[in-house]
Amino acid sequence: MPAARITRLTESDWEQFAELRLRALTDTFGTDDRQYLVEARFTPTDWRRRLRDHAQFVAVLGDRPVGMVAAYQESAEAAYVYSLWLEPEARGRGLARLLVSAAVDWGRRRGVRTATLRMAPDNAAARAVYESLGFTEVPTGGAKSEVVMRLTIP
């Protein structure tokens, strides 16, 4: 198995990003999902804008991108981490932890003090990754459809 590397995509990587993002949406929700249908119609300008406005990190094995996570700065002190996904064959190898760490490090370099994310309540594998990095659950007032987790960044 080749060594993994984590890379941040730039606007010039929009085609790679579009292909990987649509693959992730297909795997997670299917091609009939509303989000997939919206993003499948994105233009090159839309994809470039997403890469300009949000930090997009990919896990690469050999020369193949196999996973991704995104982050954006919500405020001077807060970042939001979202859309963690790995190809099924790439799961269980520590890549999720590397991806989320890259997103948190990006926020740290920008001076943010907290990172927040949302996850499905039944996703034990994701919860284990997030908790291993120090994320803790935030009370949501009884909302059961998602779990909110936060990390204080030293």
Protein backbone atom coordinates (compact mmCIF):
# COMPACT_ATOMS: atom_id res chain seq x y z
CA MET A 1 0.00 0.00 0.00
CA PRO A 2 1.52 3.36 -1.01
CA ALA A 3 1.98 6.05 1.61
CA ALA A 4 -0.84 8.55 1.96
CA ARG A 5 -0.42 12.25 1.56
CA ILE A 6 -2.83 15.03 2.44
CA THR A 7 -2.98 17.94 0.07
CA ARG A 8 -4.94 21.18 -0.08
CA LEU A 9 -6.60 21.75 -3.42
CA THR A 10 -6.37 25.07 -5.23
CA GLU A 11 -8.64 26.61 -7.84
CA SER A 12 -6.60 24.98 -10.59
CA ASP A 13 -7.57 21.58 -9.14
CA TRP A 14 -11.27 22.17 -9.75
CA GLU A 15 -11.74 19.17 -12.09
CA GLN A 16 -10.21 16.76 -9.57
CA PHE A 17 -12.32 18.31 -6.83
CA ALA A 18 -15.53 18.10 -8.85
CA GLU A 19 -14.96 14.43 -9.67
CA LEU A 20 -14.14 13.52 -6.06
CA ARG A 21 -16.99 15.54 -4.56
CA LEU A 22 -19.57 14.01 -6.90
CA ARG A 23 -18.16 10.55 -6.18
CA ALA A 24 -18.53 11.25 -2.43
CA LEU A 25 -22.11 12.46 -2.81
CA THR A 26 -22.99 9.44 -4.95
CA ASP A 27 -21.50 7.03 -2.40
CA THR A 28 -23.16 8.74 0.56
CA PHE A 29 -26.57 9.77 -0.79
CA GLY A 30 -26.97 8.49 -4.35
CA THR A 31 -27.50 10.37 -7.59
CA ASP A 32 -31.13 11.23 -6.79
CA ASP A 33 -30.14 13.29 -3.74
CA ARG A 34 -30.94 17.01 -3.91
CA GLN A 35 -27.36 18.06 -3.07
CA TYR A 36 -25.94 15.78 -5.75
CA LEU A 37 -28.37 17.15 -8.33
CA VAL A 38 -27.40 20.74 -7.47
CA GLU A 39 -23.65 20.13 -7.54
CA ALA A 40 -23.75 17.97 -10.67
CA ARG A 41 -24.85 21.15 -12.50
CA PHE A 42 -21.97 23.27 -11.15
CA THR A 43 -19.92 25.10 -13.75
CA PRO A 44 -16.13 25.34 -13.63
CA THR A 45 -16.62 28.79 -12.08
CA ASP A 46 -18.76 27.30 -9.30
CA TRP A 47 -16.14 24.65 -8.50
CA ARG A 48 -13.34 27.22 -8.50
CA ARG A 49 -15.35 29.49 -6.20
CA ARG A 50 -15.85 26.64 -3.74
CA LEU A 51 -12.10 26.03 -3.72
CA ARG A 52 -11.40 29.73 -3.28
CA ASP A 53 -13.90 30.25 -0.46
CA HIS A 54 -13.34 26.99 1.46
CA ALA A 55 -10.22 24.97 2.31
CA GLN A 56 -10.55 21.58 0.61
CA PHE A 57 -8.17 18.80 1.62
CA VAL A 58 -7.78 15.44 -0.11
CA ALA A 59 -6.15 12.19 0.90
CA VAL A 60 -4.12 10.70 -1.92
CA LEU A 61 -2.86 7.11 -2.09
CA GLY A 62 -0.31 6.71 -4.85
CA ASP A 63 -1.71 9.11 -7.41
CA ARG A 64 -5.39 8.51 -6.61
CA PRO A 65 -7.49 10.83 -4.44
CA VAL A 66 -9.46 8.61 -2.04
CA GLY A 67 -10.94 11.03 0.49
CA MET A 68 -11.70 14.60 1.36
CA VAL A 69 -12.71 17.09 4.02
CA ALA A 70 -13.56 20.78 3.85
CA ALA A 71 -13.31 23.72 6.22
CA TYR A 72 -14.17 27.38 6.20
CA GLN A 73 -13.69 30.22 8.60
CA GLU A 74 -17.03 31.20 10.11
CA SER A 75 -15.62 34.12 12.11
CA ALA A 76 -12.29 35.46 13.36
CA GLU A 77 -12.28 32.79 16.06
CA ALA A 78 -14.25 29.85 14.62
CA ALA A 79 -13.87 27.34 11.80
CA TYR A 80 -16.42 24.83 10.54
CA VAL A 81 -15.23 21.41 9.34
CA TYR A 82 -17.53 19.45 7.02
CA SER A 83 -17.98 16.80 4.34
CA LEU A 84 -15.49 14.23 5.59
CA TRP A 85 -15.59 11.28 3.20
CA LEU A 86 -13.38 8.36 2.28
CA GLU A 87 -13.81 5.73 -0.41
CA PRO A 88 -14.98 2.52 1.24
CA GLU A 89 -11.69 0.76 0.35
CA ALA A 90 -9.67 3.53 2.03
CA ARG A 91 -11.52 3.47 5.34
CA GLY A 92 -9.93 2.15 8.52
CA ARG A 93 -6.40 3.30 7.61
CA GLY A 94 -6.20 6.50 9.64
CA LEU A 95 -6.84 8.78 6.67
CA ALA A 96 -9.90 10.43 8.23
CA ARG A 97 -7.81 11.48 11.20
CA LEU A 98 -5.14 12.93 8.88
CA LEU A 99 -7.74 14.83 6.87
CA VAL A 100 -9.48 16.34 9.91
CA SER A 101 -6.09 17.20 11.42
CA ALA A 102 -5.19 19.08 8.24
CA ALA A 103 -8.43 21.08 8.45
CA VAL A 104 -7.85 21.88 12.13
CA ASP A 105 -4.23 22.89 11.43
CA TRP A 106 -5.46 25.18 8.66
CA GLY A 107 -7.77 26.86 11.17
CA ARG A 108 -4.99 27.11 13.75
CA ARG A 109 -2.75 28.89 11.23
CA ARG A 110 -5.58 31.34 10.59
CA GLY A 111 -5.87 32.09 14.31
CA VAL A 112 -9.19 30.41 15.03
CA ARG A 113 -9.84 29.20 18.57
CA THR A 114 -12.56 26.60 17.91
CA ALA A 115 -13.54 24.13 15.21
CA THR A 116 -17.10 22.84 14.99
CA LEU A 117 -18.59 20.02 12.94
CA ARG A 118 -21.82 18.09 12.56
CA MET A 119 -22.23 14.37 12.08
CA ALA A 120 -24.93 11.71 11.87
CA PRO A 121 -25.69 10.37 15.35
CA ASP A 122 -25.20 6.74 14.29
CA ASN A 123 -21.75 7.21 12.72
CA ALA A 124 -19.58 5.54 15.36
CA ALA A 125 -16.47 5.48 13.15
CA ALA A 126 -16.59 9.25 12.57
CA ARG A 127 -17.28 9.90 16.25
CA ALA A 128 -14.20 7.84 17.19
CA VAL A 129 -12.04 9.89 14.80
CA TYR A 130 -13.34 13.21 16.07
CA GLU A 131 -13.04 12.23 19.75
CA SER A 132 -9.47 10.98 19.17
CA LEU A 133 -8.63 14.52 18.04
CA GLY A 134 -10.26 16.10 21.09
CA PHE A 135 -13.68 17.04 19.72
CA THR A 136 -16.49 16.82 22.28
CA GLU A 137 -20.23 16.77 21.80
CA VAL A 138 -22.09 20.05 22.24
CA PRO A 139 -25.65 19.97 23.63
CA THR A 140 -28.14 20.85 20.88
CA GLY A 141 -31.32 21.22 22.88
CA GLY A 142 -32.73 17.82 22.01
CA ALA A 143 -32.08 17.73 18.25
CA LYS A 144 -31.70 14.07 17.33
CA SER A 145 -30.99 14.34 13.59
CA GLU A 146 -27.34 15.31 14.04
CA VAL A 147 -24.59 15.56 16.61
CA VAL A 148 -22.61 18.80 16.95
CA MET A 149 -19.03 18.50 18.13
CA ARG A 150 -16.49 21.21 18.98
CA LEU A 151 -12.76 21.38 19.51
CA THR A 152 -10.93 24.14 21.37
CA ILE A 153 -7.76 24.79 19.38
CA PRO A 154 -4.69 25.47 21.52
